Amino acid sequence: MVADTVPADLRATACGFFNLVSGLVMLVASALAGLLWDSLGATFTCLAGAGFSTMAQIAIGVRAVRHSTA
């Protein structure tokens, strides 16, 4: 998907940047999950993950509705 949205001469740079950002975000998410697990337990960590997933699904749905009506 990344390669299809950038000019041909920037494909490698775009893929590298995408993987850099993805890795950093996963590092932060893992650290946050570890902190939640240590301080509040497994149940709260799982509920937080469910909450973040729900927020992401809502954001994707809102964006899809906005783009379909535009």
PDB file of N, CA and C in Angstrom:
ATOM      1  N   MET A   1       0.824  -1.179   0.000  1.00  0.00           N
ATOM      2  CA  MET A   1       0.000   0.000   0.000  1.00  0.00           C
ATOM      3  C   MET A   1       0.877   1.254   0.000  1.00  0.00           C
ATOM      4  N   VAL A   2       1.962   1.213   0.752  1.00  0.00           N
ATOM      5  CA  VAL A   2       2.864   2.360   0.796  1.00  0.00           C
ATOM      6  C   VAL A   2       3.482   2.583  -0.573  1.00  0.00           C
ATOM      7  N   ALA A   3       3.940   1.519  -1.194  1.00  0.00           N
ATOM      8  CA  ALA A   3       4.597   1.651  -2.491  1.00  0.00           C
ATOM      9  C   ALA A   3       3.656   2.187  -3.566  1.00  0.00           C
ATOM     10  N   ASP A   4       2.378   1.921  -3.432  1.00  0.00           N
ATOM     11  CA  ASP A   4       1.413   2.383  -4.432  1.00  0.00           C
ATOM     12  C   ASP A   4       1.046   3.851  -4.278  1.00  0.00           C
ATOM     13  N   THR A   5       1.382   4.469  -3.146  1.00  0.00           N
ATOM     14  CA  THR A   5       0.947   5.844  -2.901  1.00  0.00           C
ATOM     15  C   THR A   5       2.055   6.881  -3.019  1.00  0.00           C
ATOM     16  N   VAL A   6       3.276   6.463  -3.312  1.00  0.00           N
ATOM     17  CA  VAL A   6       4.388   7.411  -3.426  1.00  0.00           C
ATOM     18  C   VAL A   6       5.000   7.323  -4.813  1.00  0.00           C
ATOM     19  N   PRO A   7       5.700   8.375  -5.230  1.00  0.00           N
ATOM     20  CA  PRO A   7       6.385   8.321  -6.525  1.00  0.00           C
ATOM     21  C   PRO A   7       7.425   7.195  -6.554  1.00  0.00           C
ATOM     22  N   ALA A   8       7.710   6.698  -7.731  1.00  0.00           N
ATOM     23  CA  ALA A   8       8.618   5.562  -7.893  1.00  0.00           C
ATOM     24  C   ALA A   8       9.993   5.817  -7.290  1.00  0.00           C
ATOM     25  N   ASP A   9      10.490   7.035  -7.388  1.00  0.00           N
ATOM     26  CA  ASP A   9      11.837   7.314  -6.883  1.00  0.00           C
ATOM     27  C   ASP A   9      11.898   7.409  -5.362  1.00  0.00           C
ATOM     28  N   LEU A  10      10.767   7.411  -4.688  1.00  0.00           N
ATOM     29  CA  LEU A  10      10.736   7.489  -3.229  1.00  0.00           C
ATOM     30  C   LEU A  10      10.193   6.222  -2.565  1.00  0.00           C
ATOM     31  N   ARG A  11      10.011   5.163  -3.323  1.00  0.00           N
ATOM     32  CA  ARG A  11       9.401   3.949  -2.763  1.00  0.00           C
ATOM     33  C   ARG A  11      10.226   3.343  -1.641  1.00  0.00           C
ATOM     34  N   ALA A  12      11.510   3.203  -1.837  1.00  0.00           N
ATOM     35  CA  ALA A  12      12.345   2.593  -0.801  1.00  0.00           C
ATOM     36  C   ALA A  12      12.373   3.468   0.451  1.00  0.00           C
ATOM     37  N   THR A  13      12.466   4.766   0.272  1.00  0.00           N
ATOM     38  CA  THR A  13      12.462   5.688   1.409  1.00  0.00           C
ATOM     39  C   THR A  13      11.137   5.615   2.147  1.00  0.00           C
ATOM     40  N   ALA A  14      10.042   5.594   1.419  1.00  0.00           N
ATOM     41  CA  ALA A  14       8.722   5.532   2.045  1.00  0.00           C
ATOM     42  C   ALA A  14       8.529   4.224   2.805  1.00  0.00           C
ATOM     43  N   CYS A  15       8.960   3.118   2.232  1.00  0.00           N
ATOM     44  CA  CYS A  15       8.832   1.831   2.925  1.00  0.00           C
ATOM     45  C   CYS A  15       9.697   1.810   4.175  1.00  0.00           C
ATOM     46  N   GLY A  16      10.900   2.347   4.089  1.00  0.00           N
ATOM     47  CA  GLY A  16      11.770   2.413   5.259  1.00  0.00           C
ATOM     48  C   GLY A  16      11.183   3.292   6.346  1.00  0.00           C
ATOM     49  N   PHE A  17      10.652   4.433   5.969  1.00  0.00           N
ATOM     50  CA  PHE A  17      10.051   5.334   6.948  1.00  0.00           C
ATOM     51  C   PHE A  17       8.815   4.710   7.592  1.00  0.00           C
ATOM     52  N   PHE A  18       8.007   4.039   6.789  1.00  0.00           N
ATOM     53  CA  PHE A  18       6.825   3.348   7.315  1.00  0.00           C
ATOM     54  C   PHE A  18       7.226   2.307   8.356  1.00  0.00           C
ATOM     55  N   ASN A  19       8.252   1.518   8.040  1.00  0.00           N
ATOM     56  CA  ASN A  19       8.704   0.494   8.988  1.00  0.00           C
ATOM     57  C   ASN A  19       9.325   1.110  10.232  1.00  0.00           C
ATOM     58  N   LEU A  20      10.020   2.240  10.096  1.00  0.00           N
ATOM     59  CA  LEU A  20      10.571   2.935  11.251  1.00  0.00           C
ATOM     60  C   LEU A  20       9.452   3.395  12.180  1.00  0.00           C
ATOM     61  N   VAL A  21       8.472   4.051  11.629  1.00  0.00           N
ATOM     62  CA  VAL A  21       7.357   4.561  12.439  1.00  0.00           C
ATOM     63  C   VAL A  21       6.576   3.404  13.058  1.00  0.00           C
ATOM     64  N   SER A  22       6.334   2.352  12.292  1.00  0.00           N
ATOM     65  CA  SER A  22       5.619   1.188  12.825  1.00  0.00           C
ATOM     66  C   SER A  22       6.378   0.578  13.995  1.00  0.00           C
ATOM     67  N   GLY A  23       7.675   0.435  13.856  1.00  0.00           N
ATOM     68  CA  GLY A  23       8.483  -0.130  14.929  1.00  0.00           C
ATOM     69  C   GLY A  23       8.475   0.726  16.177  1.00  0.00           C
ATOM     70  N   LEU A  24       8.578   2.048  16.005  1.00  0.00           N
ATOM     71  CA  LEU A  24       8.558   2.948  17.160  1.00  0.00           C
ATOM     72  C   LEU A  24       7.212   2.907  17.875  1.00  0.00           C
ATOM     73  N   VAL A  25       6.138   2.882  17.109  1.00  0.00           N
ATOM     74  CA  VAL A  25       4.802   2.824  17.705  1.00  0.00           C
ATOM     75  C   VAL A  25       4.607   1.507  18.448  1.00  0.00           C
ATOM     76  N   MET A  26       5.094   0.400  17.886  1.00  0.00           N
ATOM     77  CA  MET A  26       4.971  -0.888  18.577  1.00  0.00           C
ATOM     78  C   MET A  26       5.806  -0.908  19.853  1.00  0.00           C
ATOM     79  N   LEU A  27       6.967  -0.256  19.838  1.00  0.00           N
ATOM     80  CA  LEU A  27       7.787  -0.170  21.043  1.00  0.00           C
ATOM     81  C   LEU A  27       7.053   0.590  22.143  1.00  0.00           C
ATOM     82  N   VAL A  28       6.466   1.731  21.800  1.00  0.00           N
ATOM     83  CA  VAL A  28       5.715   2.524  22.776  1.00  0.00           C
ATOM     84  C   VAL A  28       4.505   1.738  23.289  1.00  0.00           C
ATOM     85  N   ALA A  29       3.787   1.073  22.387  1.00  0.00           N
ATOM     86  CA  ALA A  29       2.613   0.301  22.793  1.00  0.00           C
ATOM     87  C   ALA A  29       3.000  -0.845  23.724  1.00  0.00           C
ATOM     88  N   SER A  30       4.094  -1.506  23.427  1.00  0.00           N
ATOM     89  CA  SER A  30       4.540  -2.607  24.282  1.00  0.00           C
ATOM     90  C   SER A  30       4.974  -2.108  25.653  1.00  0.00           C
ATOM     91  N   ALA A  31       5.669  -0.982  25.679  1.00  0.00           N
ATOM     92  CA  ALA A  31       6.087  -0.413  26.967  1.00  0.00           C
ATOM     93  C   ALA A  31       4.875   0.006  27.784  1.00  0.00           C
ATOM     94  N   LEU A  32       3.897   0.624  27.135  1.00  0.00           N
ATOM     95  CA  LEU A  32       2.681   1.028  27.832  1.00  0.00           C
ATOM     96  C   LEU A  32       1.926  -0.194  28.364  1.00  0.00           C
ATOM     97  N   ALA A  33       1.833  -1.238  27.558  1.00  0.00           N
ATOM     98  CA  ALA A  33       1.154  -2.457  28.004  1.00  0.00           C
ATOM     99  C   ALA A  33       1.891  -3.072  29.192  1.00  0.00           C
ATOM    100  N   GLY A  34       3.203  -3.063  29.151  1.00  0.00           N
ATOM    101  CA  GLY A  34       3.974  -3.592  30.270  1.00  0.00           C
ATOM    102  C   GLY A  34       3.768  -2.790  31.539  1.00  0.00           C
ATOM    103  N   LEU A  35       3.737  -1.476  31.408  1.00  0.00           N
ATOM    104  CA  LEU A  35       3.494  -0.625  32.572  1.00  0.00           C
ATOM    105  C   LEU A  35       2.099  -0.853  33.148  1.00  0.00           C
ATOM    106  N   LEU A  36       1.107  -0.945  32.262  1.00  0.00           N
ATOM    107  CA  LEU A  36      -0.254  -1.210  32.730  1.00  0.00           C
ATOM    108  C   LEU A  36      -0.334  -2.567  33.427  1.00  0.00           C
ATOM    109  N   TRP A  37       0.313  -3.563  32.855  1.00  0.00           N
ATOM    110  CA  TRP A  37       0.275  -4.912  33.422  1.00  0.00           C
ATOM    111  C   TRP A  37       0.906  -4.917  34.810  1.00  0.00           C
ATOM    112  N   ASP A  38       2.071  -4.263  34.937  1.00  0.00           N
ATOM    113  CA  ASP A  38       2.754  -4.243  36.238  1.00  0.00           C
ATOM    114  C   ASP A  38       1.992  -3.454  37.289  1.00  0.00           C
ATOM    115  N   SER A  39       1.376  -2.352  36.887  1.00  0.00           N
ATOM    116  CA  SER A  39       0.744  -1.487  37.883  1.00  0.00           C
ATOM    117  C   SER A  39      -0.729  -1.816  38.129  1.00  0.00           C
ATOM    118  N   LEU A  40      -1.462  -2.261  37.102  1.00  0.00           N
ATOM    119  CA  LEU A  40      -2.902  -2.460  37.255  1.00  0.00           C
ATOM    120  C   LEU A  40      -3.380  -3.878  36.971  1.00  0.00           C
ATOM    121  N   GLY A  41      -2.523  -4.731  36.456  1.00  0.00           N
ATOM    122  CA  GLY A  41      -2.887  -6.122  36.247  1.00  0.00           C
ATOM    123  C   GLY A  41      -3.290  -6.459  34.821  1.00  0.00           C
ATOM    124  N   ALA A  42      -3.447  -7.752  34.616  1.00  0.00           N
ATOM    125  CA  ALA A  42      -3.750  -8.268  33.278  1.00  0.00           C
ATOM    126  C   ALA A  42      -5.132  -7.848  32.780  1.00  0.00           C
ATOM    127  N   THR A  43      -6.108  -7.852  33.667  1.00  0.00           N
ATOM    128  CA  THR A  43      -7.475  -7.522  33.249  1.00  0.00           C
ATOM    129  C   THR A  43      -7.555  -6.105  32.704  1.00  0.00           C
ATOM    130  N   PHE A  44      -6.961  -5.153  33.427  1.00  0.00           N
ATOM    131  CA  PHE A  44      -7.006  -3.767  32.960  1.00  0.00           C
ATOM    132  C   PHE A  44      -6.242  -3.603  31.648  1.00  0.00           C
ATOM    133  N   THR A  45      -5.125  -4.319  31.505  1.00  0.00           N
ATOM    134  CA  THR A  45      -4.345  -4.238  30.270  1.00  0.00           C
ATOM    135  C   THR A  45      -5.175  -4.717  29.083  1.00  0.00           C
ATOM    136  N   CYS A  46      -5.894  -5.820  29.260  1.00  0.00           N
ATOM    137  CA  CYS A  46      -6.746  -6.336  28.185  1.00  0.00           C
ATOM    138  C   CYS A  46      -7.906  -5.387  27.882  1.00  0.00           C
ATOM    139  N   LEU A  47      -8.480  -4.805  28.916  1.00  0.00           N
ATOM    140  CA  LEU A  47      -9.564  -3.836  28.701  1.00  0.00           C
ATOM    141  C   LEU A  47      -9.049  -2.582  27.991  1.00  0.00           C
ATOM    142  N   ALA A  48      -7.845  -2.153  28.336  1.00  0.00           N
ATOM    143  CA  ALA A  48      -7.261  -0.994  27.656  1.00  0.00           C
ATOM    144  C   ALA A  48      -7.043  -1.308  26.176  1.00  0.00           C
ATOM    145  N   GLY A  49      -6.547  -2.511  25.874  1.00  0.00           N
ATOM    146  CA  GLY A  49      -6.370  -2.912  24.480  1.00  0.00           C
ATOM    147  C   GLY A  49      -7.683  -2.936  23.724  1.00  0.00           C
ATOM    148  N   ALA A  50      -8.725  -3.432  24.371  1.00  0.00           N
ATOM    149  CA  ALA A  50     -10.049  -3.446  23.746  1.00  0.00           C
ATOM    150  C   ALA A  50     -10.550  -2.027  23.515  1.00  0.00           C
ATOM    151  N   GLY A  51     -10.287  -1.146  24.480  1.00  0.00           N
ATOM    152  CA  GLY A  51     -10.699   0.252  24.325  1.00  0.00           C
ATOM    153  C   GLY A  51      -9.981   0.941  23.185  1.00  0.00           C
ATOM    154  N   PHE A  52      -8.667   0.716  23.091  1.00  0.00           N
ATOM    155  CA  PHE A  52      -7.903   1.324  21.990  1.00  0.00           C
ATOM    156  C   PHE A  52      -8.361   0.780  20.644  1.00  0.00           C
ATOM    157  N   SER A  53      -8.659  -0.518  20.584  1.00  0.00           N
ATOM    158  CA  SER A  53      -9.155  -1.117  19.342  1.00  0.00           C
ATOM    159  C   SER A  53     -10.508  -0.539  18.942  1.00  0.00           C
ATOM    160  N   THR A  54     -11.366  -0.351  19.920  1.00  0.00           N
ATOM    161  CA  THR A  54     -12.684   0.233  19.649  1.00  0.00           C
ATOM    162  C   THR A  54     -12.551   1.659  19.136  1.00  0.00           C
ATOM    163  N   MET A  55     -11.673   2.439  19.765  1.00  0.00           N
ATOM    164  CA  MET A  55     -11.460   3.817  19.292  1.00  0.00           C
ATOM    165  C   MET A  55     -10.926   3.833  17.867  1.00  0.00           C
ATOM    166  N   ALA A  56     -10.027   2.912  17.537  1.00  0.00           N
ATOM    167  CA  ALA A  56      -9.486   2.844  16.184  1.00  0.00           C
ATOM    168  C   ALA A  56     -10.578   2.480  15.179  1.00  0.00           C
ATOM    169  N   GLN A  57     -11.433   1.536  15.531  1.00  0.00           N
ATOM    170  CA  GLN A  57     -12.523   1.150  14.635  1.00  0.00           C
ATOM    171  C   GLN A  57     -13.491   2.298  14.410  1.00  0.00           C
ATOM    172  N   ILE A  58     -13.780   3.057  15.450  1.00  0.00           N
ATOM    173  CA  ILE A  58     -14.666   4.214  15.305  1.00  0.00           C
ATOM    174  C   ILE A  58     -14.027   5.257  14.403  1.00  0.00           C
ATOM    175  N   ALA A  59     -12.733   5.521  14.605  1.00  0.00           N
ATOM    176  CA  ALA A  59     -12.041   6.505  13.779  1.00  0.00           C
ATOM    177  C   ALA A  59     -12.033   6.092  12.310  1.00  0.00           C
ATOM    178  N   ILE A  60     -11.813   4.809  12.048  1.00  0.00           N
ATOM    179  CA  ILE A  60     -11.830   4.322  10.667  1.00  0.00           C
ATOM    180  C   ILE A  60     -13.229   4.449  10.077  1.00  0.00           C
ATOM    181  N   GLY A  61     -14.247   4.130  10.872  1.00  0.00           N
ATOM    182  CA  GLY A  61     -15.626   4.270  10.389  1.00  0.00           C
ATOM    183  C   GLY A  61     -15.998   5.702  10.093  1.00  0.00           C
ATOM    184  N   VAL A  62     -15.604   6.621  10.952  1.00  0.00           N
ATOM    185  CA  VAL A  62     -15.893   8.044  10.734  1.00  0.00           C
ATOM    186  C   VAL A  62     -15.190   8.532   9.472  1.00  0.00           C
ATOM    187  N   ARG A  63     -13.957   8.113   9.298  1.00  0.00           N
ATOM    188  CA  ARG A  63     -13.215   8.546   8.113  1.00  0.00           C
ATOM    189  C   ARG A  63     -13.857   7.974   6.849  1.00  0.00           C
ATOM    190  N   ALA A  64     -14.297   6.728   6.900  1.00  0.00           N
ATOM    191  CA  ALA A  64     -14.929   6.114   5.733  1.00  0.00           C
ATOM    192  C   ALA A  64     -16.222   6.845   5.382  1.00  0.00           C
ATOM    193  N   VAL A  65     -16.997   7.216   6.383  1.00  0.00           N
ATOM    194  CA  VAL A  65     -18.248   7.929   6.128  1.00  0.00           C
ATOM    195  C   VAL A  65     -17.960   9.306   5.539  1.00  0.00           C
ATOM    196  N   ARG A  66     -16.967   9.998   6.062  1.00  0.00           N
ATOM    197  CA  ARG A  66     -16.623  11.326   5.534  1.00  0.00           C
ATOM    198  C   ARG A  66     -16.154  11.252   4.098  1.00  0.00           C
ATOM    199  N   HIS A  67     -15.370  10.229   3.767  1.00  0.00           N
ATOM    200  CA  HIS A  67     -14.859  10.117   2.405  1.00  0.00           C
ATOM    201  C   HIS A  67     -15.915   9.614   1.419  1.00  0.00           C
ATOM    202  N   SER A  68     -16.894   8.882   1.912  1.00  0.00           N
ATOM    203  CA  SER A  68     -17.926   8.398   1.004  1.00  0.00           C
ATOM    204  C   SER A  68     -18.949   9.485   0.678  1.00  0.00           C
ATOM    205  N   THR A  69     -19.085  10.488   1.545  1.00  0.00           N
ATOM    206  CA  THR A  69     -20.045  11.561   1.278  1.00  0.00           C
ATOM    207  C   THR A  69     -19.403  12.750   0.593  1.00  0.00           C
ATOM    208  N   ALA A  70     -18.094  12.783   0.535  1.00  0.00           N
ATOM    209  CA  ALA A  70     -17.394  13.934  -0.078  1.00  0.00           C
ATOM    210  C   ALA A  70     -17.333  13.826  -1.566  1.00  0.00           C
TER     211      ALA A  70
END
